[in-house]
Amino acid sequence: MTRCTNRRTAILTLILGLTLLLCGCQIGGGVFVLPDISTKDSTQGKTQLLAALNKHYYTHFDNSDSSHFIYGNDSAAEAVFLYLQDACNGDASQVSTLLAENKNTGLVNCAENLTVMPPFLSIGPCRISYSELRPDLLDGGVLRENADFSSVAKNLINRQKFLTIPDDSSKAVYDRVSFAVGTIGGQPFVIAVFTS
């Protein structure tokens, strides 16, 4: 039993060491870090943004459901953010253009590029939204605790656009939301992905 445990520990240590080595070898031998997405813990700020979304939804759309939105996995929002950061090439005004609705398709203008990304963006119908962030809403690159996110919540709900068109027979409710916060062209943004 001890020999088996020692073998497992050795294998896991080897895998961890190789993973760290591979990450360190990327980008000219430095540590691999996703650009302009804060690694600081942002749970409290995102929780408060989620509360602001629920309050706005309750007040303006459905006052029978005070906890309409639930927090999802941020990987989809982070993937969208990284795509936008690359596609905008330092021009913050391009975010609104790429995430605007294409009148011919009913999808966001960048839908074709986003749906060929990792599978979690094309699994099912989802909506994408964004909001600019004022500097007073951030603390060290993450959402500030105890900030007033009401205007951000309003933007995120009002700017939702489809990434993929849902099946007409489904009555999907887009109540799971994920967030990514970062800077594009010097302007801080929050990107939200709403899924069912």
N, C-alpha and C. Protein backbone atom coordinates (compact mmCIF):
# COMPACT_ATOMS: atom_id res chain seq x y z
N MET A 1 0.83 -1.19 0.00
CA MET A 1 0.00 0.00 0.00
C MET A 1 0.87 1.25 0.00
N THR A 2 1.90 1.27 0.84
CA THR A 2 2.79 2.42 0.90
C THR A 2 3.54 2.60 -0.41
N ARG A 3 3.97 1.48 -1.03
CA ARG A 3 4.69 1.55 -2.29
C ARG A 3 3.80 2.16 -3.38
N CYS A 4 2.51 1.79 -3.40
CA CYS A 4 1.56 2.33 -4.38
C CYS A 4 1.37 3.83 -4.16
N THR A 5 1.25 4.25 -2.91
CA THR A 5 1.07 5.67 -2.58
C THR A 5 2.30 6.46 -2.99
N ASN A 6 3.48 5.92 -2.72
CA ASN A 6 4.72 6.61 -3.10
C ASN A 6 4.83 6.73 -4.62
N ARG A 7 4.41 5.69 -5.33
CA ARG A 7 4.46 5.73 -6.80
C ARG A 7 3.50 6.79 -7.34
N ARG A 8 2.29 6.86 -6.78
CA ARG A 8 1.33 7.89 -7.20
C ARG A 8 1.87 9.28 -6.93
N THR A 9 2.45 9.48 -5.78
CA THR A 9 3.03 10.78 -5.42
C THR A 9 4.14 11.15 -6.39
N ALA A 10 4.99 10.20 -6.74
CA ALA A 10 6.08 10.47 -7.67
C ALA A 10 5.54 10.84 -9.05
N ILE A 11 4.51 10.13 -9.50
CA ILE A 11 3.92 10.41 -10.82
C ILE A 11 3.26 11.79 -10.82
N LEU A 12 2.50 12.10 -9.79
CA LEU A 12 1.85 13.41 -9.73
C LEU A 12 2.87 14.54 -9.64
N THR A 13 3.95 14.32 -8.90
CA THR A 13 5.02 15.33 -8.81
C THR A 13 5.67 15.53 -10.16
N LEU A 14 5.90 14.46 -10.90
CA LEU A 14 6.48 14.55 -12.23
C LEU A 14 5.56 15.32 -13.17
N ILE A 15 4.26 15.01 -13.15
CA ILE A 15 3.30 15.70 -14.02
C ILE A 15 3.25 17.19 -13.68
N LEU A 16 3.21 17.51 -12.40
CA LEU A 16 3.18 18.91 -11.98
C LEU A 16 4.45 19.62 -12.42
N GLY A 17 5.59 18.98 -12.24
CA GLY A 17 6.86 19.59 -12.65
C GLY A 17 6.93 19.83 -14.14
N LEU A 18 6.46 18.87 -14.94
CA LEU A 18 6.45 19.05 -16.41
C LEU A 18 5.50 20.16 -16.82
N THR A 19 4.34 20.23 -16.17
CA THR A 19 3.39 21.29 -16.48
C THR A 19 3.99 22.66 -16.20
N LEU A 20 4.61 22.81 -15.05
CA LEU A 20 5.26 24.09 -14.71
C LEU A 20 6.39 24.41 -15.67
N LEU A 21 7.15 23.40 -16.06
CA LEU A 21 8.24 23.59 -17.00
C LEU A 21 7.72 24.04 -18.35
N LEU A 22 6.66 23.39 -18.84
CA LEU A 22 6.08 23.77 -20.13
C LEU A 22 5.52 25.18 -20.09
N CYS A 23 4.86 25.54 -19.01
CA CYS A 23 4.33 26.90 -18.89
C CYS A 23 5.46 27.92 -18.87
N GLY A 24 6.55 27.58 -18.22
CA GLY A 24 7.69 28.49 -18.15
C GLY A 24 8.43 28.61 -19.46
N CYS A 25 8.30 27.60 -20.34
CA CYS A 25 9.01 27.64 -21.62
C CYS A 25 8.28 28.47 -22.66
N GLN A 26 7.01 28.73 -22.47
CA GLN A 26 6.26 29.51 -23.44
C GLN A 26 6.66 30.97 -23.36
N ILE A 27 6.47 31.68 -24.42
CA ILE A 27 6.73 33.11 -24.51
C ILE A 27 8.14 33.43 -24.05
N GLY A 28 9.10 32.94 -24.77
CA GLY A 28 10.48 33.32 -24.54
C GLY A 28 11.05 32.89 -23.21
N GLY A 29 10.58 31.82 -22.65
CA GLY A 29 11.15 31.31 -21.43
C GLY A 29 10.59 31.93 -20.17
N GLY A 30 9.74 32.94 -20.30
CA GLY A 30 9.15 33.55 -19.11
C GLY A 30 7.93 32.77 -18.68
N VAL A 31 7.35 33.17 -17.58
CA VAL A 31 6.15 32.51 -17.09
C VAL A 31 4.99 32.90 -17.98
N PHE A 32 4.16 31.94 -18.36
CA PHE A 32 3.02 32.21 -19.23
C PHE A 32 1.91 32.85 -18.42
N VAL A 33 1.51 34.06 -18.80
CA VAL A 33 0.44 34.79 -18.12
C VAL A 33 -0.51 35.31 -19.17
N LEU A 34 -1.80 35.12 -18.96
CA LEU A 34 -2.78 35.67 -19.88
C LEU A 34 -2.74 37.19 -19.79
N PRO A 35 -2.67 37.89 -20.91
CA PRO A 35 -2.51 39.33 -20.88
C PRO A 35 -3.74 40.08 -20.40
N ASP A 36 -3.53 41.04 -19.53
CA ASP A 36 -4.55 41.98 -19.08
C ASP A 36 -5.79 41.36 -18.46
N ILE A 37 -5.71 40.14 -18.01
CA ILE A 37 -6.79 39.57 -17.21
C ILE A 37 -6.21 39.36 -15.83
N SER A 38 -6.77 40.03 -14.86
CA SER A 38 -6.20 40.00 -13.53
C SER A 38 -6.27 38.62 -12.92
N THR A 39 -5.19 38.22 -12.25
CA THR A 39 -5.17 36.95 -11.55
C THR A 39 -5.51 37.14 -10.07
N LYS A 40 -5.68 38.38 -9.65
CA LYS A 40 -6.06 38.66 -8.26
C LYS A 40 -7.46 38.11 -8.01
N ASP A 41 -7.70 37.61 -6.81
CA ASP A 41 -9.01 37.05 -6.49
C ASP A 41 -10.07 38.13 -6.63
N SER A 42 -11.10 37.83 -7.41
CA SER A 42 -12.13 38.83 -7.69
C SER A 42 -13.51 38.31 -7.34
N THR A 43 -13.58 37.33 -6.48
CA THR A 43 -14.85 36.70 -6.15
C THR A 43 -15.86 37.69 -5.59
N GLN A 44 -15.43 38.54 -4.64
CA GLN A 44 -16.37 39.48 -4.02
C GLN A 44 -16.95 40.46 -5.03
N GLY A 45 -16.10 41.05 -5.87
CA GLY A 45 -16.59 42.01 -6.85
C GLY A 45 -17.54 41.36 -7.84
N LYS A 46 -17.22 40.14 -8.30
CA LYS A 46 -18.10 39.44 -9.24
C LYS A 46 -19.40 39.04 -8.57
N THR A 47 -19.34 38.69 -7.30
CA THR A 47 -20.55 38.36 -6.56
C THR A 47 -21.45 39.59 -6.46
N GLN A 48 -20.86 40.74 -6.23
CA GLN A 48 -21.64 41.97 -6.14
C GLN A 48 -22.19 42.39 -7.50
N LEU A 49 -21.44 42.14 -8.57
CA LEU A 49 -21.95 42.41 -9.91
C LEU A 49 -23.13 41.48 -10.21
N LEU A 50 -23.04 40.22 -9.81
CA LEU A 50 -24.14 39.29 -9.98
C LEU A 50 -25.37 39.76 -9.20
N ALA A 51 -25.16 40.25 -7.99
CA ALA A 51 -26.28 40.78 -7.20
C ALA A 51 -26.91 41.98 -7.89
N ALA A 52 -26.09 42.84 -8.49
CA ALA A 52 -26.61 44.00 -9.22
C ALA A 52 -27.42 43.55 -10.45
N LEU A 53 -26.96 42.51 -11.14
CA LEU A 53 -27.73 41.97 -12.27
C LEU A 53 -29.09 41.48 -11.81
N ASN A 54 -29.10 40.73 -10.71
CA ASN A 54 -30.36 40.21 -10.19
C ASN A 54 -31.29 41.35 -9.75
N LYS A 55 -30.74 42.37 -9.12
CA LYS A 55 -31.56 43.50 -8.68
C LYS A 55 -32.16 44.22 -9.88
N HIS A 56 -31.34 44.46 -10.92
CA HIS A 56 -31.85 45.14 -12.12
C HIS A 56 -32.93 44.29 -12.79
N TYR A 57 -32.71 42.99 -12.89
CA TYR A 57 -33.69 42.10 -13.51
C TYR A 57 -34.99 42.09 -12.70
N TYR A 58 -34.88 41.99 -11.38
CA TYR A 58 -36.03 41.98 -10.50
C TYR A 58 -36.83 43.28 -10.63
N THR A 59 -36.11 44.41 -10.65
CA THR A 59 -36.76 45.71 -10.68
C THR A 59 -37.41 46.03 -12.03
N HIS A 60 -36.76 45.63 -13.13
CA HIS A 60 -37.22 46.07 -14.45
C HIS A 60 -37.91 45.00 -15.29
N PHE A 61 -37.75 43.72 -14.93
CA PHE A 61 -38.29 42.68 -15.80
C PHE A 61 -39.23 41.71 -15.10
N ASP A 62 -38.82 41.17 -13.98
CA ASP A 62 -39.62 40.13 -13.34
C ASP A 62 -39.47 40.24 -11.83
N ASN A 63 -40.41 40.91 -11.18
CA ASN A 63 -40.28 41.11 -9.74
C ASN A 63 -40.76 39.90 -8.93
N SER A 64 -40.93 38.77 -9.59
CA SER A 64 -41.24 37.54 -8.85
C SER A 64 -39.99 36.68 -8.67
N ASP A 65 -38.87 37.07 -9.30
CA ASP A 65 -37.66 36.26 -9.27
C ASP A 65 -36.47 37.12 -8.87
N SER A 66 -36.15 37.12 -7.57
CA SER A 66 -35.07 37.98 -7.07
C SER A 66 -33.69 37.40 -7.26
N SER A 67 -33.59 36.13 -7.65
CA SER A 67 -32.28 35.54 -7.89
C SER A 67 -32.29 34.81 -9.23
N HIS A 68 -32.59 35.55 -10.27
CA HIS A 68 -32.71 34.99 -11.62
C HIS A 68 -31.39 34.44 -12.13
N PHE A 69 -30.31 35.21 -11.98
CA PHE A 69 -29.01 34.81 -12.52
C PHE A 69 -28.19 34.06 -11.47
N ILE A 70 -27.48 33.04 -11.93
CA ILE A 70 -26.55 32.32 -11.07
C ILE A 70 -25.17 32.38 -11.71
N TYR A 71 -24.16 32.23 -10.88
CA TYR A 71 -22.79 32.38 -11.34
C TYR A 71 -22.33 31.11 -12.04
N GLY A 72 -21.73 31.28 -13.24
CA GLY A 72 -21.23 30.15 -14.01
C GLY A 72 -19.71 30.12 -14.04
N ASN A 73 -19.17 29.31 -14.92
CA ASN A 73 -17.73 29.16 -15.09
C ASN A 73 -17.19 30.30 -15.94
N ASP A 74 -16.16 30.99 -15.46
CA ASP A 74 -15.63 32.17 -16.17
C ASP A 74 -14.82 31.84 -17.42
N SER A 75 -14.55 30.58 -17.70
CA SER A 75 -13.67 30.26 -18.83
C SER A 75 -14.25 30.73 -20.17
N ALA A 76 -15.57 30.66 -20.36
CA ALA A 76 -16.17 31.12 -21.61
C ALA A 76 -16.00 32.63 -21.76
N ALA A 77 -16.28 33.39 -20.71
CA ALA A 77 -16.13 34.84 -20.77
C ALA A 77 -14.67 35.23 -20.98
N GLU A 78 -13.75 34.51 -20.34
CA GLU A 78 -12.33 34.81 -20.52
C GLU A 78 -11.88 34.53 -21.95
N ALA A 79 -12.41 33.46 -22.56
CA ALA A 79 -12.07 33.15 -23.95
C ALA A 79 -12.59 34.25 -24.88
N VAL A 80 -13.81 34.72 -24.65
CA VAL A 80 -14.36 35.81 -25.46
C VAL A 80 -13.52 37.07 -25.28
N PHE A 81 -13.15 37.36 -24.03
CA PHE A 81 -12.34 38.55 -23.76
C PHE A 81 -11.01 38.49 -24.51
N LEU A 82 -10.33 37.35 -24.44
CA LEU A 82 -9.04 37.22 -25.12
C LEU A 82 -9.19 37.36 -26.63
N TYR A 83 -10.28 36.80 -27.18
CA TYR A 83 -10.53 36.98 -28.62
C TYR A 83 -10.70 38.47 -28.94
N LEU A 84 -11.53 39.17 -28.16
CA LEU A 84 -11.77 40.58 -28.40
C LEU A 84 -10.49 41.39 -28.28
N GLN A 85 -9.70 41.08 -27.29
CA GLN A 85 -8.44 41.79 -27.09
C GLN A 85 -7.55 41.66 -28.32
N ASP A 86 -7.49 40.48 -28.88
CA ASP A 86 -6.68 40.24 -30.07
C ASP A 86 -7.30 40.89 -31.30
N ALA A 87 -8.61 40.71 -31.49
CA ALA A 87 -9.30 41.22 -32.68
C ALA A 87 -9.36 42.74 -32.73
N CYS A 88 -9.42 43.39 -31.57
CA CYS A 88 -9.52 44.85 -31.52
C CYS A 88 -8.18 45.53 -31.76
N ASN A 89 -7.10 44.80 -31.56
CA ASN A 89 -5.76 45.33 -31.82
C ASN A 89 -5.54 46.69 -31.16
N GLY A 90 -5.93 46.80 -29.89
CA GLY A 90 -5.70 48.02 -29.14
C GLY A 90 -6.72 49.13 -29.34
N ASP A 91 -7.78 48.88 -30.10
CA ASP A 91 -8.80 49.88 -30.36
C ASP A 91 -10.07 49.52 -29.59
N ALA A 92 -10.30 50.19 -28.47
CA ALA A 92 -11.44 49.89 -27.60
C ALA A 92 -12.78 50.07 -28.29
N SER A 93 -12.86 50.96 -29.27
CA SER A 93 -14.13 51.20 -29.96
C SER A 93 -14.58 49.99 -30.78
N GLN A 94 -13.67 49.08 -31.08
CA GLN A 94 -14.02 47.90 -31.87
C GLN A 94 -14.85 46.89 -31.07
N VAL A 95 -14.81 46.97 -29.74
CA VAL A 95 -15.58 46.03 -28.92
C VAL A 95 -17.06 46.15 -29.26
N SER A 96 -17.57 47.37 -29.29
CA SER A 96 -19.00 47.56 -29.58
C SER A 96 -19.34 47.12 -31.00
N THR A 97 -18.42 47.30 -31.94
CA THR A 97 -18.66 46.88 -33.32
C THR A 97 -18.71 45.35 -33.42
N LEU A 98 -17.74 44.68 -32.80
CA LEU A 98 -17.69 43.22 -32.87
C LEU A 98 -18.86 42.56 -32.15
N LEU A 99 -19.35 43.19 -31.08
CA LEU A 99 -20.44 42.61 -30.30
C LEU A 99 -21.81 43.19 -30.65
N ALA A 100 -21.87 43.97 -31.71
CA ALA A 100 -23.16 44.47 -32.19
C ALA A 100 -23.87 43.36 -32.97
N GLU A 101 -25.19 43.47 -33.05
CA GLU A 101 -25.96 42.45 -33.77
C GLU A 101 -25.86 42.67 -35.27
N ASN A 102 -25.54 41.61 -35.97
CA ASN A 102 -25.53 41.62 -37.43
C ASN A 102 -26.99 41.47 -37.87
N LYS A 103 -27.51 42.44 -38.60
CA LYS A 103 -28.93 42.43 -38.97
C LYS A 103 -29.28 41.28 -39.90
N ASN A 104 -28.31 40.76 -40.65
CA ASN A 104 -28.58 39.65 -41.56
C ASN A 104 -28.69 38.31 -40.84
N THR A 105 -27.89 38.12 -39.79
CA THR A 105 -27.86 36.83 -39.12
C THR A 105 -28.56 36.82 -37.77
N GLY A 106 -28.69 37.99 -37.14
CA GLY A 106 -29.25 38.06 -35.80
C GLY A 106 -28.25 37.70 -34.71
N LEU A 107 -27.01 37.45 -35.11
CA LEU A 107 -25.94 37.10 -34.18
C LEU A 107 -24.98 38.27 -34.04
N VAL A 108 -24.06 38.18 -33.07
CA VAL A 108 -23.03 39.21 -32.96
C VAL A 108 -22.15 39.15 -34.20
N ASN A 109 -21.57 40.28 -34.56
CA ASN A 109 -20.73 40.35 -35.76
C ASN A 109 -19.56 39.37 -35.75
N CYS A 110 -19.04 39.06 -34.58
CA CYS A 110 -17.88 38.17 -34.50
C CYS A 110 -18.28 36.72 -34.22
N ALA A 111 -19.55 36.37 -34.38
CA ALA A 111 -20.03 35.04 -34.03
C ALA A 111 -19.29 33.94 -34.78
N GLU A 112 -19.05 34.15 -36.07
CA GLU A 112 -18.39 33.12 -36.87
C GLU A 112 -17.01 32.79 -36.32
N ASN A 113 -16.27 33.80 -35.89
CA ASN A 113 -14.94 33.57 -35.32
C ASN A 113 -15.02 32.95 -33.93
N LEU A 114 -15.98 33.37 -33.13
CA LEU A 114 -16.08 32.85 -31.76
C LEU A 114 -16.56 31.41 -31.70
N THR A 115 -17.41 31.00 -32.63
CA THR A 115 -17.95 29.63 -32.56
C THR A 115 -16.94 28.58 -33.00
N VAL A 116 -15.82 28.97 -33.57
CA VAL A 116 -14.78 27.99 -33.90
C VAL A 116 -13.75 27.89 -32.78
N MET A 117 -13.97 28.61 -31.70
CA MET A 117 -13.07 28.56 -30.54
C MET A 117 -13.37 27.30 -29.73
N PRO A 118 -12.77 27.17 -28.57
CA PRO A 118 -12.96 25.95 -27.76
C PRO A 118 -14.43 25.56 -27.64
N PRO A 119 -14.70 24.27 -27.47
CA PRO A 119 -16.07 23.73 -27.53
C PRO A 119 -17.09 24.39 -26.62
N PHE A 120 -16.65 24.96 -25.46
CA PHE A 120 -17.65 25.51 -24.55
C PHE A 120 -18.35 26.74 -25.10
N LEU A 121 -17.84 27.32 -26.18
CA LEU A 121 -18.53 28.46 -26.79
C LEU A 121 -19.55 28.02 -27.84
N SER A 122 -19.51 26.77 -28.25
CA SER A 122 -20.44 26.32 -29.28
C SER A 122 -21.31 25.15 -28.83
N ILE A 123 -21.29 24.86 -27.55
CA ILE A 123 -22.09 23.75 -27.03
C ILE A 123 -23.58 24.02 -27.22
N GLY A 124 -24.01 25.19 -26.91
CA GLY A 124 -25.42 25.50 -27.02
C GLY A 124 -25.63 26.99 -27.14
N PRO A 125 -26.89 27.39 -27.20
CA PRO A 125 -27.19 28.82 -27.34
C PRO A 125 -26.63 29.63 -26.17
N CYS A 126 -26.09 30.77 -26.48
CA CYS A 126 -25.64 31.67 -25.43
C CYS A 126 -25.70 33.10 -25.94
N ARG A 127 -25.68 34.00 -25.01
CA ARG A 127 -25.67 35.43 -25.31
C ARG A 127 -24.39 36.03 -24.77
N ILE A 128 -23.91 37.06 -25.43
CA ILE A 128 -22.70 37.76 -25.01
C ILE A 128 -23.07 39.21 -24.78
N SER A 129 -22.44 39.82 -23.78
CA SER A 129 -22.66 41.23 -23.50
C SER A 129 -21.37 41.85 -22.99
N TYR A 130 -21.38 43.17 -22.90
CA TYR A 130 -20.20 43.88 -22.41
C TYR A 130 -20.62 45.19 -21.77
N SER A 131 -19.72 45.73 -20.97
CA SER A 131 -19.89 47.07 -20.42
C SER A 131 -18.52 47.66 -20.16
N GLU A 132 -18.41 48.94 -20.45
CA GLU A 132 -17.21 49.66 -20.07
C GLU A 132 -17.23 49.81 -18.55
N LEU A 133 -16.06 49.92 -17.96
CA LEU A 133 -15.96 50.09 -16.51
C LEU A 133 -15.28 51.41 -16.19
N ARG A 134 -15.85 52.15 -15.25
CA ARG A 134 -15.19 53.36 -14.76
C ARG A 134 -14.04 52.94 -13.84
N PRO A 135 -12.98 53.75 -13.76
CA PRO A 135 -11.85 53.41 -12.90
C PRO A 135 -12.22 53.20 -11.43
N ASP A 136 -13.26 53.90 -10.93
CA ASP A 136 -13.63 53.75 -9.53
C ASP A 136 -14.30 52.40 -9.23
N LEU A 137 -14.61 51.62 -10.27
CA LEU A 137 -15.21 50.30 -10.07
C LEU A 137 -14.16 49.19 -9.97
N LEU A 138 -12.89 49.57 -10.15
CA LEU A 138 -11.81 48.60 -10.14
C LEU A 138 -10.86 48.84 -8.98
N ASP A 139 -10.26 47.76 -8.53
CA ASP A 139 -9.23 47.82 -7.50
C ASP A 139 -8.14 46.85 -7.91
N GLY A 140 -7.04 47.36 -8.40
CA GLY A 140 -5.94 46.50 -8.83
C GLY A 140 -6.31 45.62 -10.01
N GLY A 141 -7.17 46.08 -10.89
CA GLY A 141 -7.53 45.33 -12.08
C GLY A 141 -8.70 44.37 -11.90
N VAL A 142 -9.28 44.30 -10.71
CA VAL A 142 -10.45 43.46 -10.48
C VAL A 142 -11.60 44.33 -10.00
N LEU A 143 -12.81 43.77 -10.06
CA LEU A 143 -13.98 44.52 -9.61
C LEU A 143 -13.86 44.83 -8.12
N ARG A 144 -14.09 46.09 -7.79
CA ARG A 144 -13.96 46.56 -6.41
C ARG A 144 -15.13 46.05 -5.56
N GLU A 145 -14.80 45.67 -4.34
CA GLU A 145 -15.85 45.29 -3.41
C GLU A 145 -16.63 46.54 -3.01
N ASN A 146 -17.90 46.37 -2.74
CA ASN A 146 -18.79 47.45 -2.27
C ASN A 146 -18.92 48.59 -3.26
N ALA A 147 -18.75 48.31 -4.56
CA ALA A 147 -18.95 49.34 -5.58
C ALA A 147 -20.38 49.28 -6.08
N ASP A 148 -20.85 50.37 -6.68
CA ASP A 148 -22.19 50.42 -7.24
C ASP A 148 -22.13 49.97 -8.69
N PHE A 149 -22.56 48.74 -8.96
CA PHE A 149 -22.52 48.16 -10.29
C PHE A 149 -23.85 48.28 -11.03
N SER A 150 -24.74 49.15 -10.58
CA SER A 150 -26.07 49.21 -11.18
C SER A 150 -26.02 49.61 -12.66
N SER A 151 -25.19 50.58 -13.03
CA SER A 151 -25.11 50.98 -14.44
C SER A 151 -24.46 49.90 -15.29
N VAL A 152 -23.51 49.17 -14.71
CA VAL A 152 -22.86 48.06 -15.42
C VAL A 152 -23.88 46.94 -15.64
N ALA A 153 -24.66 46.63 -14.61
CA ALA A 153 -25.68 45.58 -14.73
C ALA A 153 -26.70 45.95 -15.81
N LYS A 154 -27.11 47.19 -15.84
CA LYS A 154 -28.06 47.65 -16.86
C LYS A 154 -27.48 47.45 -18.25
N ASN A 155 -26.22 47.84 -18.45
CA ASN A 155 -25.58 47.65 -19.75
C ASN A 155 -25.51 46.18 -20.12
N LEU A 156 -25.09 45.34 -19.17
CA LEU A 156 -24.93 43.91 -19.47
C LEU A 156 -26.26 43.27 -19.87
N ILE A 157 -27.33 43.64 -19.21
CA ILE A 157 -28.63 43.07 -19.56
C ILE A 157 -29.14 43.64 -20.88
N ASN A 158 -29.02 44.93 -21.08
CA ASN A 158 -29.56 45.56 -22.28
C ASN A 158 -28.74 45.28 -23.55
N ARG A 159 -27.47 44.94 -23.41
CA ARG A 159 -26.61 44.74 -24.58
C ARG A 159 -26.45 43.27 -24.96
N GLN A 160 -27.22 42.39 -24.38
CA GLN A 160 -27.09 40.96 -24.70
C GLN A 160 -27.41 40.71 -26.17
N LYS A 161 -26.52 39.96 -26.82
CA LYS A 161 -26.73 39.56 -28.21
C LYS A 161 -26.42 38.07 -28.32
N PHE A 162 -27.05 37.40 -29.27
CA PHE A 162 -26.85 35.97 -29.44
C PHE A 162 -25.50 35.67 -30.10
N LEU A 163 -24.84 34.65 -29.58
CA LEU A 163 -23.68 34.08 -30.25
C LEU A 163 -24.15 32.98 -31.18
N THR A 164 -25.11 32.21 -30.75
CA THR A 164 -25.73 31.18 -31.59
C THR A 164 -27.24 31.30 -31.43
N ILE A 165 -27.96 31.00 -32.48
CA ILE A 165 -29.42 31.09 -32.44
C ILE A 165 -29.98 29.83 -31.76
N PRO A 166 -30.87 30.03 -30.79
CA PRO A 166 -31.44 28.87 -30.11
C PRO A 166 -32.45 28.15 -30.99
N ASP A 167 -32.67 26.90 -30.70
CA ASP A 167 -33.70 26.11 -31.35
C ASP A 167 -35.05 26.73 -30.98
N ASP A 168 -35.91 26.96 -31.98
CA ASP A 168 -37.21 27.60 -31.72
C ASP A 168 -38.07 26.83 -30.73
N SER A 169 -37.88 25.51 -30.68
CA SER A 169 -38.72 24.72 -29.79
C SER A 169 -38.28 24.85 -28.33
N SER A 170 -37.07 25.33 -28.12
CA SER A 170 -36.60 25.44 -26.73
C SER A 170 -36.95 26.80 -26.16
N LYS A 171 -37.31 26.79 -24.92
CA LYS A 171 -37.60 28.03 -24.21
C LYS A 171 -36.43 28.27 -23.24
N ALA A 172 -35.25 28.38 -23.80
CA ALA A 172 -34.04 28.52 -22.98
C ALA A 172 -34.09 29.80 -22.16
N VAL A 173 -33.70 29.68 -20.92
CA VAL A 173 -33.57 30.82 -20.02
C VAL A 173 -32.08 31.01 -19.80
N TYR A 174 -31.56 32.16 -20.15
CA TYR A 174 -30.12 32.42 -20.05
C TYR A 174 -29.81 32.98 -18.67
N ASP A 175 -29.79 32.09 -17.69
CA ASP A 175 -29.67 32.53 -16.30
C ASP A 175 -28.32 32.22 -15.67
N ARG A 176 -27.43 31.55 -16.38
CA ARG A 176 -26.08 31.27 -15.86
C ARG A 176 -25.15 32.27 -16.52
N VAL A 177 -24.42 33.04 -15.71
CA VAL A 177 -23.58 34.11 -16.25
C VAL A 177 -22.15 33.97 -15.76
N SER A 178 -21.22 34.25 -16.67
CA SER A 178 -19.80 34.26 -16.31
C SER A 178 -19.20 35.60 -16.73
N PHE A 179 -18.14 36.00 -16.06
CA PHE A 179 -17.55 37.32 -16.29
C PHE A 179 -16.05 37.22 -16.57
N ALA A 180 -15.57 38.18 -17.34
CA ALA A 180 -14.13 38.41 -17.50
C ALA A 180 -13.91 39.91 -17.45
N VAL A 181 -12.91 40.33 -16.70
CA VAL A 181 -12.60 41.75 -16.55
C VAL A 181 -11.19 41.98 -17.07
N GLY A 182 -11.02 43.02 -17.85
CA GLY A 182 -9.69 43.35 -18.36
C GLY A 182 -9.71 44.65 -19.14
N THR A 183 -8.59 44.93 -19.78
CA THR A 183 -8.42 46.19 -20.49
C THR A 183 -8.18 45.94 -21.97
N ILE A 184 -8.86 46.70 -22.80
CA ILE A 184 -8.66 46.68 -24.24
C ILE A 184 -8.42 48.12 -24.68
N GLY A 185 -7.27 48.37 -25.25
CA GLY A 185 -6.95 49.73 -25.70
C GLY A 185 -7.00 50.76 -24.60
N GLY A 186 -6.63 50.38 -23.38
CA GLY A 186 -6.61 51.30 -22.25
C GLY A 186 -7.96 51.48 -21.57
N GLN A 187 -9.02 50.90 -22.12
CA GLN A 187 -10.36 51.01 -21.54
C GLN A 187 -10.71 49.71 -20.80
N PRO A 188 -11.04 49.80 -19.50
CA PRO A 188 -11.46 48.59 -18.77
C PRO A 188 -12.86 48.16 -19.21
N PHE A 189 -13.03 46.85 -19.37
CA PHE A 189 -14.32 46.26 -19.76
C PHE A 189 -14.63 45.09 -18.87
N VAL A 190 -15.92 44.77 -18.78
CA VAL A 190 -16.35 43.48 -18.27
C VAL A 190 -17.12 42.83 -19.41
N ILE A 191 -16.78 41.58 -19.69
CA ILE A 191 -17.48 40.78 -20.71
C ILE A 191 -18.29 39.74 -19.94
N ALA A 192 -19.53 39.56 -20.37
CA ALA A 192 -20.40 38.57 -19.73
C ALA A 192 -20.90 37.59 -20.78
N VAL A 193 -20.93 36.32 -20.42
CA VAL A 193 -21.51 35.29 -21.27
C VAL A 193 -22.67 34.67 -20.50
N PHE A 194 -23.86 34.71 -21.11
CA PHE A 194 -25.07 34.17 -20.49
C PHE A 194 -25.43 32.86 -21.18
N THR A 195 -25.56 31.79 -20.41
CA THR A 195 -25.92 30.49 -20.95
C THR A 195 -27.12 29.93 -20.19
N SER A 196 -27.71 28.88 -20.75
CA SER A 196 -28.88 28.29 -20.08
C SER A 196 -28.46 27.09 -19.26
